[in-house]
Protein backbone atom coordinates (compact mmCIF):
# COMPACT_ATOMS: atom_id res chain seq x y z
CA UNK A 1 25.71 -76.57 61.91
CA UNK A 2 23.19 -78.14 64.30
CA UNK A 3 20.48 -75.81 63.04
CA UNK A 4 21.28 -76.76 59.43
CA UNK A 5 21.02 -80.47 60.27
CA UNK A 6 17.71 -79.87 62.01
CA UNK A 7 16.37 -78.05 58.97
CA UNK A 8 17.52 -80.84 56.62
CA UNK A 9 15.93 -83.44 58.88
CA UNK A 10 12.64 -81.57 58.97
CA UNK A 11 12.67 -81.06 55.19
CA UNK A 12 13.25 -84.76 54.63
CA UNK A 13 10.46 -85.63 57.04
CA UNK A 14 8.12 -83.32 55.16
CA UNK A 15 9.10 -84.65 51.73
CA UNK A 16 8.68 -88.28 52.77
CA UNK A 17 5.31 -87.55 54.34
CA UNK A 18 4.20 -85.91 51.09
CA UNK A 19 5.53 -88.83 49.02
CA UNK A 20 2.94 -90.97 50.85
CA UNK A 21 0.12 -88.43 50.42
CA UNK A 22 -3.16 -89.72 48.94
CA UNK A 23 -3.30 -86.87 46.39
CA UNK A 24 -1.37 -87.79 43.24
CA UNK A 25 -0.30 -84.20 42.55
CA UNK A 26 1.18 -83.88 46.02
CA UNK A 27 3.04 -87.21 45.64
CA UNK A 28 4.35 -86.19 42.23
CA UNK A 29 5.65 -82.82 43.42
CA UNK A 30 7.24 -84.39 46.51
CA UNK A 31 9.04 -87.23 44.76
CA UNK A 32 10.24 -84.88 42.02
CA UNK A 33 11.57 -82.49 44.69
CA UNK A 34 13.28 -85.41 46.39
CA UNK A 35 14.85 -86.45 43.07
CA UNK A 36 16.10 -82.91 42.53
CA UNK A 37 17.73 -82.85 45.99
CA UNK A 38 19.78 -85.92 45.02
CA UNK A 39 21.40 -83.89 42.24
CA UNK A 40 23.11 -81.50 44.68
CA UNK A 41 26.86 -81.96 45.01
CA UNK A 42 26.56 -82.15 48.79
CA UNK A 43 23.61 -84.57 48.88
CA UNK A 44 24.07 -87.44 51.26
CA UNK A 45 21.36 -90.08 51.65
CA UNK A 46 21.93 -90.60 55.39
CA UNK A 47 18.80 -88.79 56.54
CA UNK A 48 16.73 -90.27 53.70
CA UNK A 49 17.77 -93.76 54.79
CA UNK A 50 17.43 -93.03 58.51
CA UNK A 51 13.83 -91.96 58.04
CA UNK A 52 12.88 -95.08 56.10
CA UNK A 53 12.98 -93.37 52.72
CA UNK A 54 14.09 -96.46 50.80
CA UNK A 55 11.05 -98.45 51.97
CA UNK A 56 8.75 -95.49 51.31
CA UNK A 57 10.05 -95.03 47.76
CA UNK A 58 9.91 -98.76 46.98
CA UNK A 59 6.33 -98.86 48.25
CA UNK A 60 5.58 -95.93 45.97
CA UNK A 61 7.01 -97.87 43.01
CA UNK A 62 4.83 -100.86 43.83
CA UNK A 63 1.56 -98.94 44.05
CA UNK A 64 1.83 -95.87 41.82
CA UNK A 65 1.23 -95.96 38.07
CA UNK A 66 2.02 -92.32 37.22
CA UNK A 67 5.16 -92.54 35.05
CA UNK A 68 6.47 -89.18 36.31
CA UNK A 69 6.24 -90.37 39.91
CA UNK A 70 7.75 -93.75 39.09
CA UNK A 71 10.66 -92.30 37.09
CA UNK A 72 11.49 -89.83 39.87
CA UNK A 73 11.29 -92.55 42.51
CA UNK A 74 13.72 -94.70 40.53
CA UNK A 75 16.06 -91.70 40.24
CA UNK A 76 16.05 -91.37 44.03
CA UNK A 77 16.91 -95.04 44.53
CA UNK A 78 19.63 -94.88 41.87
CA UNK A 79 21.16 -91.76 43.43
CA UNK A 80 21.08 -93.40 46.86
CA UNK A 81 22.93 -96.45 45.56
CA UNK A 82 25.38 -94.28 43.60
CA UNK A 83 26.17 -92.37 46.81
CA UNK A 84 27.57 -95.57 48.29
CA UNK A 85 24.40 -96.88 49.90
CA UNK A 86 23.77 -99.83 47.59
CA UNK A 87 23.15 -102.13 50.55
CA UNK A 88 20.35 -99.95 51.89
CA UNK A 89 18.65 -100.02 48.50
CA UNK A 90 19.23 -103.74 47.94
CA UNK A 91 18.07 -104.74 51.41
CA UNK A 92 14.89 -102.77 50.82
CA UNK A 93 13.91 -105.12 48.00
CA UNK A 94 14.71 -102.87 45.06
CA UNK A 95 15.86 -105.62 42.69
CA UNK A 96 12.60 -107.57 42.87
CA UNK A 97 10.58 -104.39 42.49
CA UNK A 98 12.60 -103.13 39.53
CA UNK A 99 12.61 -106.56 37.86
CA UNK A 100 8.82 -106.39 37.73
CA UNK A 101 9.10 -103.05 35.93
CA UNK A 102 11.49 -104.05 33.12
CA UNK A 103 8.64 -104.09 30.57
CA UNK A 104 6.86 -100.96 31.78
CA UNK A 105 4.84 -99.34 28.98
CA UNK A 106 6.57 -95.98 29.50
CA UNK A 107 9.97 -95.73 27.73
CA UNK A 108 11.39 -93.31 30.31
CA UNK A 109 10.51 -95.66 33.14
CA UNK A 110 12.06 -98.61 31.27
CA UNK A 111 15.27 -96.63 30.77
CA UNK A 112 15.40 -95.61 34.46
CA UNK A 113 14.83 -99.25 35.45
CA UNK A 114 17.71 -100.37 33.21
CA UNK A 115 20.01 -97.71 34.69
CA UNK A 116 19.10 -98.67 38.25
CA UNK A 117 19.50 -102.38 37.66
CA UNK A 118 22.83 -101.84 35.92
CA UNK A 119 24.06 -100.10 39.06
CA UNK A 120 22.50 -102.50 41.56
CA UNK A 121 22.89 -105.92 40.00
CA UNK A 122 26.25 -107.53 40.51
CA UNK A 123 28.08 -108.44 37.34
CA UNK A 124 28.19 -112.13 36.64
CA UNK A 125 31.59 -113.32 35.52
CA UNK A 126 31.74 -115.91 32.79
CA UNK A 127 34.64 -118.30 32.61
């Protein structure tokens, strides 16, 4: 069990380091791999959050223009929130970042932004 946790920690460290890599192809592969890991039934965002992953992914959204990278990054944030860690995503500034992306030229990115905001934004009750 301890060895498995150590391996997961090291894998997350490696993925997050690659998400910040200067080479676009490396960033794309890393953030797509991170998005794929969120699809596992046993995925828990604890290690991702502990290692500053929310801030790293939000920074990626703010500076990267590659729609594949951006869409995958939004998937990671959405999966993190859906796993019960909405506060970690919200406190990282996700709403402001995603709001700026509502009119992104890429339709896939726009759809991912809508999905993420639907999950993250509190519903406003009308009376």
